ModelCIF file with pLDDT and N, C-alpha, C, O atoms, coordinates in Angstrom:
data_MODEL
#
_entry.id   MODEL 
#
_entity.id                         1 
_entity.type                       polymer 
_entity.pdbx_number_of_molecules   1 
#
_entity_poly.entity_id                      1 
_entity_poly.type                           'polypeptide(L)' 
_entity_poly.nstd_linkage                   no 
_entity_poly.nstd_monomer                   no 
_entity_poly.pdbx_seq_one_letter_code       
;(UNK)(UNK)(UNK)(UNK)(UNK)(UNK)(UNK)(UNK)(UNK)(UNK)(UNK)(UNK)(UNK)(UNK)(UNK)(UNK)
(UNK)(UNK)(UNK)(UNK)(UNK)(UNK)(UNK)(UNK)(UNK)(UNK)(UNK)(UNK)(UNK)(UNK)(UNK)(UNK)
(UNK)(UNK)(UNK)
;
_entity_poly.pdbx_seq_one_letter_code_can   XXXXXXXXXXXXXXXXXXXXXXXXXXXXXXXXXXX 
_entity_poly.pdbx_strand_id                 A 
#
loop_
_entity_poly_seq.entity_id 
_entity_poly_seq.num 
_entity_poly_seq.mon_id 
_entity_poly_seq.hetero 
1 1  UNK n 
1 2  UNK n 
1 3  UNK n 
1 4  UNK n 
1 5  UNK n 
1 6  UNK n 
1 7  UNK n 
1 8  UNK n 
1 9  UNK n 
1 10 UNK n 
1 11 UNK n 
1 12 UNK n 
1 13 UNK n 
1 14 UNK n 
1 15 UNK n 
1 16 UNK n 
1 17 UNK n 
1 18 UNK n 
1 19 UNK n 
1 20 UNK n 
1 21 UNK n 
1 22 UNK n 
1 23 UNK n 
1 24 UNK n 
1 25 UNK n 
1 26 UNK n 
1 27 UNK n 
1 28 UNK n 
1 29 UNK n 
1 30 UNK n 
1 31 UNK n 
1 32 UNK n 
1 33 UNK n 
1 34 UNK n 
1 35 UNK n 
#
_struct_asym.id          A 
_struct_asym.entity_id   1 
#
loop_
_ma_qa_metric.id 
_ma_qa_metric.mode 
_ma_qa_metric.name 
_ma_qa_metric.software_group_id 
_ma_qa_metric.type 
1 global pLDDT . pLDDT 
2 local  pLDDT . pLDDT 
#
_ma_qa_metric_global.metric_id      1 
_ma_qa_metric_global.metric_value   91.31 
_ma_qa_metric_global.model_id       1 
_ma_qa_metric_global.ordinal_id     1 
#
loop_
_ma_qa_metric_local.label_asym_id 
_ma_qa_metric_local.label_comp_id 
_ma_qa_metric_local.label_seq_id 
_ma_qa_metric_local.metric_id 
_ma_qa_metric_local.metric_value 
_ma_qa_metric_local.model_id 
_ma_qa_metric_local.ordinal_id 
A UNK 1  2 97.00 1 1  
A UNK 2  2 96.00 1 2  
A UNK 3  2 96.00 1 3  
A UNK 4  2 94.00 1 4  
A UNK 5  2 92.00 1 5  
A UNK 6  2 94.00 1 6  
A UNK 7  2 96.00 1 7  
A UNK 8  2 94.00 1 8  
A UNK 9  2 96.00 1 9  
A UNK 10 2 97.00 1 10 
A UNK 11 2 96.00 1 11 
A UNK 12 2 96.00 1 12 
A UNK 13 2 98.00 1 13 
A UNK 14 2 97.00 1 14 
A UNK 15 2 96.00 1 15 
A UNK 16 2 95.00 1 16 
A UNK 17 2 96.00 1 17 
A UNK 18 2 93.00 1 18 
A UNK 19 2 90.00 1 19 
A UNK 20 2 85.00 1 20 
A UNK 21 2 81.00 1 21 
A UNK 22 2 84.00 1 22 
A UNK 23 2 82.00 1 23 
A UNK 24 2 84.00 1 24 
A UNK 25 2 86.00 1 25 
A UNK 26 2 86.00 1 26 
A UNK 27 2 86.00 1 27 
A UNK 28 2 89.00 1 28 
A UNK 29 2 89.00 1 29 
A UNK 30 2 89.00 1 30 
A UNK 31 2 87.00 1 31 
A UNK 32 2 91.00 1 32 
A UNK 33 2 90.00 1 33 
A UNK 34 2 88.00 1 34 
A UNK 35 2 90.00 1 35 
#
loop_
_atom_site.group_PDB 
_atom_site.id 
_atom_site.type_symbol 
_atom_site.label_atom_id 
_atom_site.label_alt_id 
_atom_site.label_comp_id 
_atom_site.label_asym_id 
_atom_site.label_entity_id 
_atom_site.label_seq_id 
_atom_site.pdbx_PDB_ins_code 
_atom_site.Cartn_x 
_atom_site.Cartn_y 
_atom_site.Cartn_z 
_atom_site.occupancy 
_atom_site.B_iso_or_equiv 
_atom_site.pdbx_formal_charge 
_atom_site.auth_seq_id 
_atom_site.auth_comp_id 
_atom_site.auth_asym_id 
_atom_site.auth_atom_id 
_atom_site.pdbx_PDB_model_num 
ATOM 1   N N  . UNK A 1 1  ? -22.517 -19.415 -13.142 1.00 97.00 ? 1  UNK A N  1 
ATOM 2   C CA . UNK A 1 1  ? -21.534 -19.407 -11.973 1.00 97.00 ? 1  UNK A CA 1 
ATOM 3   C C  . UNK A 1 1  ? -22.068 -19.106 -10.666 1.00 97.00 ? 1  UNK A C  1 
ATOM 4   O O  . UNK A 1 1  ? -22.712 -18.080 -10.450 1.00 97.00 ? 1  UNK A O  1 
ATOM 5   N N  . UNK A 1 2  ? -21.792 -20.059 -9.707  1.00 96.00 ? 2  UNK A N  1 
ATOM 6   C CA . UNK A 1 2  ? -22.140 -19.725 -8.723  1.00 96.00 ? 2  UNK A CA 1 
ATOM 7   C C  . UNK A 1 2  ? -21.360 -19.948 -7.251  1.00 96.00 ? 2  UNK A C  1 
ATOM 8   O O  . UNK A 1 2  ? -21.166 -21.149 -7.060  1.00 96.00 ? 2  UNK A O  1 
ATOM 9   N N  . UNK A 1 3  ? -20.974 -19.283 -6.401  1.00 96.00 ? 3  UNK A N  1 
ATOM 10  C CA . UNK A 1 3  ? -20.422 -19.407 -5.560  1.00 96.00 ? 3  UNK A CA 1 
ATOM 11  C C  . UNK A 1 3  ? -20.657 -20.721 -4.793  1.00 96.00 ? 3  UNK A C  1 
ATOM 12  O O  . UNK A 1 3  ? -21.852 -20.998 -4.692  1.00 96.00 ? 3  UNK A O  1 
ATOM 13  N N  . UNK A 1 4  ? -19.954 -21.446 -4.327  1.00 94.00 ? 4  UNK A N  1 
ATOM 14  C CA . UNK A 1 4  ? -20.347 -22.436 -2.847  1.00 94.00 ? 4  UNK A CA 1 
ATOM 15  C C  . UNK A 1 4  ? -19.664 -22.411 -1.643  1.00 94.00 ? 4  UNK A C  1 
ATOM 16  O O  . UNK A 1 4  ? -18.523 -21.978 -1.483  1.00 94.00 ? 4  UNK A O  1 
ATOM 17  N N  . UNK A 1 5  ? -20.458 -22.931 -0.721  1.00 92.00 ? 5  UNK A N  1 
ATOM 18  C CA . UNK A 1 5  ? -19.825 -22.817 0.512   1.00 92.00 ? 5  UNK A CA 1 
ATOM 19  C C  . UNK A 1 5  ? -18.437 -22.980 0.907   1.00 92.00 ? 5  UNK A C  1 
ATOM 20  O O  . UNK A 1 5  ? -17.790 -23.965 0.551   1.00 92.00 ? 5  UNK A O  1 
ATOM 21  N N  . UNK A 1 6  ? -17.982 -22.106 1.586   1.00 94.00 ? 6  UNK A N  1 
ATOM 22  C CA . UNK A 1 6  ? -16.304 -22.130 1.580   1.00 94.00 ? 6  UNK A CA 1 
ATOM 23  C C  . UNK A 1 6  ? -15.695 -22.127 0.719   1.00 94.00 ? 6  UNK A C  1 
ATOM 24  O O  . UNK A 1 6  ? -14.649 -22.777 0.713   1.00 94.00 ? 6  UNK A O  1 
ATOM 25  N N  . UNK A 1 7  ? -16.061 -21.459 -0.266  1.00 96.00 ? 7  UNK A N  1 
ATOM 26  C CA . UNK A 1 7  ? -15.786 -21.129 -1.789  1.00 96.00 ? 7  UNK A CA 1 
ATOM 27  C C  . UNK A 1 7  ? -14.158 -20.262 -1.654  1.00 96.00 ? 7  UNK A C  1 
ATOM 28  O O  . UNK A 1 7  ? -14.143 -19.152 -1.121  1.00 96.00 ? 7  UNK A O  1 
ATOM 29  N N  . UNK A 1 8  ? -13.090 -20.776 -2.088  1.00 94.00 ? 8  UNK A N  1 
ATOM 30  C CA . UNK A 1 8  ? -11.810 -20.181 -2.053  1.00 94.00 ? 8  UNK A CA 1 
ATOM 31  C C  . UNK A 1 8  ? -11.808 -19.114 -3.491  1.00 94.00 ? 8  UNK A C  1 
ATOM 32  O O  . UNK A 1 8  ? -10.983 -18.202 -3.546  1.00 94.00 ? 8  UNK A O  1 
ATOM 33  N N  . UNK A 1 9  ? -12.792 -19.332 -4.599  1.00 96.00 ? 9  UNK A N  1 
ATOM 34  C CA . UNK A 1 9  ? -12.466 -18.688 -5.721  1.00 96.00 ? 9  UNK A CA 1 
ATOM 35  C C  . UNK A 1 9  ? -13.482 -17.418 -5.314  1.00 96.00 ? 9  UNK A C  1 
ATOM 36  O O  . UNK A 1 9  ? -14.454 -17.385 -4.559  1.00 96.00 ? 9  UNK A O  1 
ATOM 37  N N  . UNK A 1 10 ? -12.732 -16.209 -6.279  1.00 97.00 ? 10 UNK A N  1 
ATOM 38  C CA . UNK A 1 10 ? -13.492 -14.683 -5.974  1.00 97.00 ? 10 UNK A CA 1 
ATOM 39  C C  . UNK A 1 10 ? -15.127 -15.173 -6.447  1.00 97.00 ? 10 UNK A C  1 
ATOM 40  O O  . UNK A 1 10 ? -15.314 -16.236 -7.039  1.00 97.00 ? 10 UNK A O  1 
ATOM 41  N N  . UNK A 1 11 ? -16.018 -14.421 -6.162  1.00 96.00 ? 11 UNK A N  1 
ATOM 42  C CA . UNK A 1 11 ? -17.695 -14.148 -6.396  1.00 96.00 ? 11 UNK A CA 1 
ATOM 43  C C  . UNK A 1 11 ? -17.404 -13.974 -8.266  1.00 96.00 ? 11 UNK A C  1 
ATOM 44  O O  . UNK A 1 11 ? -18.250 -14.506 -8.984  1.00 96.00 ? 11 UNK A O  1 
ATOM 45  N N  . UNK A 1 12 ? -16.459 -13.385 -8.810  1.00 96.00 ? 12 UNK A N  1 
ATOM 46  C CA . UNK A 1 12 ? -16.568 -13.352 -10.247 1.00 96.00 ? 12 UNK A CA 1 
ATOM 47  C C  . UNK A 1 12 ? -16.023 -14.745 -11.120 1.00 96.00 ? 12 UNK A C  1 
ATOM 48  O O  . UNK A 1 12 ? -15.969 -14.831 -12.346 1.00 96.00 ? 12 UNK A O  1 
ATOM 49  N N  . UNK A 1 13 ? -15.649 -15.771 -10.153 1.00 98.00 ? 13 UNK A N  1 
ATOM 50  C CA . UNK A 1 13 ? -14.846 -16.742 -10.834 1.00 98.00 ? 13 UNK A CA 1 
ATOM 51  C C  . UNK A 1 13 ? -15.819 -18.011 -9.980  1.00 98.00 ? 13 UNK A C  1 
ATOM 52  O O  . UNK A 1 13 ? -16.657 -18.512 -10.729 1.00 98.00 ? 13 UNK A O  1 
ATOM 53  N N  . UNK A 1 14 ? -15.817 -18.346 -9.134  1.00 97.00 ? 14 UNK A N  1 
ATOM 54  C CA . UNK A 1 14 ? -16.456 -19.173 -8.336  1.00 97.00 ? 14 UNK A CA 1 
ATOM 55  C C  . UNK A 1 14 ? -16.157 -20.836 -8.373  1.00 97.00 ? 14 UNK A C  1 
ATOM 56  O O  . UNK A 1 14 ? -15.477 -21.178 -9.341  1.00 97.00 ? 14 UNK A O  1 
ATOM 57  N N  . UNK A 1 15 ? -16.433 -21.563 -7.755  1.00 96.00 ? 15 UNK A N  1 
ATOM 58  C CA . UNK A 1 15 ? -15.971 -23.150 -7.759  1.00 96.00 ? 15 UNK A CA 1 
ATOM 59  C C  . UNK A 1 15 ? -17.170 -23.923 -8.101  1.00 96.00 ? 15 UNK A C  1 
ATOM 60  O O  . UNK A 1 15 ? -17.256 -25.150 -8.051  1.00 96.00 ? 15 UNK A O  1 
ATOM 61  N N  . UNK A 1 16 ? -18.257 -22.948 -8.515  1.00 95.00 ? 16 UNK A N  1 
ATOM 62  C CA . UNK A 1 16 ? -19.722 -24.036 -8.604  1.00 95.00 ? 16 UNK A CA 1 
ATOM 63  C C  . UNK A 1 16 ? -20.499 -23.398 -9.862  1.00 95.00 ? 16 UNK A C  1 
ATOM 64  O O  . UNK A 1 16 ? -20.181 -22.314 -10.352 1.00 95.00 ? 16 UNK A O  1 
ATOM 65  N N  . UNK A 1 17 ? -21.385 -24.070 -10.249 1.00 96.00 ? 17 UNK A N  1 
ATOM 66  C CA . UNK A 1 17 ? -22.283 -23.606 -11.014 1.00 96.00 ? 17 UNK A CA 1 
ATOM 67  C C  . UNK A 1 17 ? -24.025 -24.093 -10.659 1.00 96.00 ? 17 UNK A C  1 
ATOM 68  O O  . UNK A 1 17 ? -24.318 -25.241 -10.324 1.00 96.00 ? 17 UNK A O  1 
ATOM 69  N N  . UNK A 1 18 ? -24.954 -23.069 -10.802 1.00 93.00 ? 18 UNK A N  1 
ATOM 70  C CA . UNK A 1 18 ? -26.263 -23.303 -10.514 1.00 93.00 ? 18 UNK A CA 1 
ATOM 71  C C  . UNK A 1 18 ? -27.085 -23.873 -11.860 1.00 93.00 ? 18 UNK A C  1 
ATOM 72  O O  . UNK A 1 18 ? -26.998 -23.350 -12.971 1.00 93.00 ? 18 UNK A O  1 
ATOM 73  N N  . UNK A 1 19 ? -27.781 -24.880 -11.588 1.00 90.00 ? 19 UNK A N  1 
ATOM 74  C CA . UNK A 1 19 ? -28.527 -25.514 -12.793 1.00 90.00 ? 19 UNK A CA 1 
ATOM 75  C C  . UNK A 1 19 ? -29.847 -25.306 -12.302 1.00 90.00 ? 19 UNK A C  1 
ATOM 76  O O  . UNK A 1 19 ? -30.048 -25.488 -11.101 1.00 90.00 ? 19 UNK A O  1 
ATOM 77  N N  . UNK A 1 20 ? -30.890 -24.907 -13.140 1.00 85.00 ? 20 UNK A N  1 
ATOM 78  C CA . UNK A 1 20 ? -32.257 -24.774 -12.905 1.00 85.00 ? 20 UNK A CA 1 
ATOM 79  C C  . UNK A 1 20 ? -32.753 -25.804 -13.862 1.00 85.00 ? 20 UNK A C  1 
ATOM 80  O O  . UNK A 1 20 ? -32.133 -26.000 -14.907 1.00 85.00 ? 20 UNK A O  1 
ATOM 81  N N  . UNK A 1 21 ? -33.852 -26.487 -13.564 1.00 81.00 ? 21 UNK A N  1 
ATOM 82  C CA . UNK A 1 21 ? -34.829 -27.045 -14.330 1.00 81.00 ? 21 UNK A CA 1 
ATOM 83  C C  . UNK A 1 21 ? -36.053 -26.408 -14.865 1.00 81.00 ? 21 UNK A C  1 
ATOM 84  O O  . UNK A 1 21 ? -36.635 -26.888 -15.837 1.00 81.00 ? 21 UNK A O  1 
ATOM 85  N N  . UNK A 1 22 ? -36.487 -25.271 -14.218 1.00 84.00 ? 22 UNK A N  1 
ATOM 86  C CA . UNK A 1 22 ? -37.982 -24.647 -14.963 1.00 84.00 ? 22 UNK A CA 1 
ATOM 87  C C  . UNK A 1 22 ? -37.713 -24.447 -16.686 1.00 84.00 ? 22 UNK A C  1 
ATOM 88  O O  . UNK A 1 22 ? -38.629 -24.712 -17.465 1.00 84.00 ? 22 UNK A O  1 
ATOM 89  N N  . UNK A 1 23 ? -36.590 -24.035 -17.104 1.00 82.00 ? 23 UNK A N  1 
ATOM 90  C CA . UNK A 1 23 ? -36.628 -23.554 -18.507 1.00 82.00 ? 23 UNK A CA 1 
ATOM 91  C C  . UNK A 1 23 ? -36.979 -25.263 -19.208 1.00 82.00 ? 23 UNK A C  1 
ATOM 92  O O  . UNK A 1 23 ? -37.807 -25.284 -20.118 1.00 82.00 ? 23 UNK A O  1 
ATOM 93  N N  . UNK A 1 24 ? -36.494 -26.310 -18.871 1.00 84.00 ? 24 UNK A N  1 
ATOM 94  C CA . UNK A 1 24 ? -36.687 -27.572 -19.664 1.00 84.00 ? 24 UNK A CA 1 
ATOM 95  C C  . UNK A 1 24 ? -37.849 -28.296 -19.191 1.00 84.00 ? 24 UNK A C  1 
ATOM 96  O O  . UNK A 1 24 ? -38.380 -29.136 -19.918 1.00 84.00 ? 24 UNK A O  1 
ATOM 97  N N  . UNK A 1 25 ? -38.267 -28.051 -18.081 1.00 86.00 ? 25 UNK A N  1 
ATOM 98  C CA . UNK A 1 25 ? -39.435 -28.768 -17.609 1.00 86.00 ? 25 UNK A CA 1 
ATOM 99  C C  . UNK A 1 25 ? -40.612 -28.000 -18.544 1.00 86.00 ? 25 UNK A C  1 
ATOM 100 O O  . UNK A 1 25 ? -41.530 -28.659 -19.034 1.00 86.00 ? 25 UNK A O  1 
ATOM 101 N N  . UNK A 1 26 ? -40.505 -26.632 -18.731 1.00 86.00 ? 26 UNK A N  1 
ATOM 102 C CA . UNK A 1 26 ? -41.278 -25.800 -19.338 1.00 86.00 ? 26 UNK A CA 1 
ATOM 103 C C  . UNK A 1 26 ? -41.485 -26.256 -20.910 1.00 86.00 ? 26 UNK A C  1 
ATOM 104 O O  . UNK A 1 26 ? -42.578 -26.101 -21.456 1.00 86.00 ? 26 UNK A O  1 
ATOM 105 N N  . UNK A 1 27 ? -40.285 -26.864 -21.639 1.00 86.00 ? 27 UNK A N  1 
ATOM 106 C CA . UNK A 1 27 ? -40.168 -27.266 -22.832 1.00 86.00 ? 27 UNK A CA 1 
ATOM 107 C C  . UNK A 1 27 ? -40.735 -28.466 -22.915 1.00 86.00 ? 27 UNK A C  1 
ATOM 108 O O  . UNK A 1 27 ? -40.951 -28.879 -24.054 1.00 86.00 ? 27 UNK A O  1 
ATOM 109 N N  . UNK A 1 28 ? -41.147 -29.384 -21.681 1.00 89.00 ? 28 UNK A N  1 
ATOM 110 C CA . UNK A 1 28 ? -41.882 -30.515 -21.988 1.00 89.00 ? 28 UNK A CA 1 
ATOM 111 C C  . UNK A 1 28 ? -40.757 -31.767 -21.768 1.00 89.00 ? 28 UNK A C  1 
ATOM 112 O O  . UNK A 1 28 ? -41.021 -32.908 -22.148 1.00 89.00 ? 28 UNK A O  1 
ATOM 113 N N  . UNK A 1 29 ? -39.673 -31.477 -21.214 1.00 89.00 ? 29 UNK A N  1 
ATOM 114 C CA . UNK A 1 29 ? -38.606 -32.525 -21.217 1.00 89.00 ? 29 UNK A CA 1 
ATOM 115 C C  . UNK A 1 29 ? -39.102 -33.311 -19.922 1.00 89.00 ? 29 UNK A C  1 
ATOM 116 O O  . UNK A 1 29 ? -39.635 -32.850 -18.912 1.00 89.00 ? 29 UNK A O  1 
ATOM 117 N N  . UNK A 1 30 ? -38.776 -34.624 -20.236 1.00 89.00 ? 30 UNK A N  1 
ATOM 118 C CA . UNK A 1 30 ? -39.430 -35.856 -19.260 1.00 89.00 ? 30 UNK A CA 1 
ATOM 119 C C  . UNK A 1 30 ? -37.788 -36.527 -18.293 1.00 89.00 ? 30 UNK A C  1 
ATOM 120 O O  . UNK A 1 30 ? -36.808 -35.786 -18.370 1.00 89.00 ? 30 UNK A O  1 
ATOM 121 N N  . UNK A 1 31 ? -37.703 -37.241 -17.854 1.00 87.00 ? 31 UNK A N  1 
ATOM 122 C CA . UNK A 1 31 ? -36.586 -37.665 -17.031 1.00 87.00 ? 31 UNK A CA 1 
ATOM 123 C C  . UNK A 1 31 ? -35.820 -38.318 -18.051 1.00 87.00 ? 31 UNK A C  1 
ATOM 124 O O  . UNK A 1 31 ? -34.632 -38.023 -17.924 1.00 87.00 ? 31 UNK A O  1 
ATOM 125 N N  . UNK A 1 32 ? -36.041 -39.109 -19.038 1.00 91.00 ? 32 UNK A N  1 
ATOM 126 C CA . UNK A 1 32 ? -34.995 -39.514 -20.081 1.00 91.00 ? 32 UNK A CA 1 
ATOM 127 C C  . UNK A 1 32 ? -34.351 -38.440 -20.545 1.00 91.00 ? 32 UNK A C  1 
ATOM 128 O O  . UNK A 1 32 ? -33.130 -38.482 -20.699 1.00 91.00 ? 32 UNK A O  1 
ATOM 129 N N  . UNK A 1 33 ? -35.238 -37.077 -20.899 1.00 90.00 ? 33 UNK A N  1 
ATOM 130 C CA . UNK A 1 33 ? -34.343 -35.898 -21.418 1.00 90.00 ? 33 UNK A CA 1 
ATOM 131 C C  . UNK A 1 33 ? -33.215 -35.209 -20.511 1.00 90.00 ? 33 UNK A C  1 
ATOM 132 O O  . UNK A 1 33 ? -32.254 -34.530 -20.873 1.00 90.00 ? 33 UNK A O  1 
ATOM 133 N N  . UNK A 1 34 ? -33.590 -35.559 -19.316 1.00 88.00 ? 34 UNK A N  1 
ATOM 134 C CA . UNK A 1 34 ? -32.700 -34.697 -18.274 1.00 88.00 ? 34 UNK A CA 1 
ATOM 135 C C  . UNK A 1 34 ? -31.333 -35.738 -18.298 1.00 88.00 ? 34 UNK A C  1 
ATOM 136 O O  . UNK A 1 34 ? -30.187 -35.303 -18.408 1.00 88.00 ? 34 UNK A O  1 
ATOM 137 N N  . UNK A 1 35 ? -31.650 -37.097 -18.183 1.00 90.00 ? 35 UNK A N  1 
ATOM 138 C CA . UNK A 1 35 ? -30.496 -37.671 -18.339 1.00 90.00 ? 35 UNK A CA 1 
ATOM 139 C C  . UNK A 1 35 ? -29.484 -37.436 -19.612 1.00 90.00 ? 35 UNK A C  1 
ATOM 140 O O  . UNK A 1 35 ? -28.409 -38.032 -19.664 1.00 90.00 ? 35 UNK A O  1 
#
């Protein structure tokens, strides 16, 4: 969970999520896998 600009939710709730790709690229995922 991650706050976004001008978020109206509290920092413990948030209105967004942060998605990172390093864990899946390390596993060898390719473009089709990300889809």
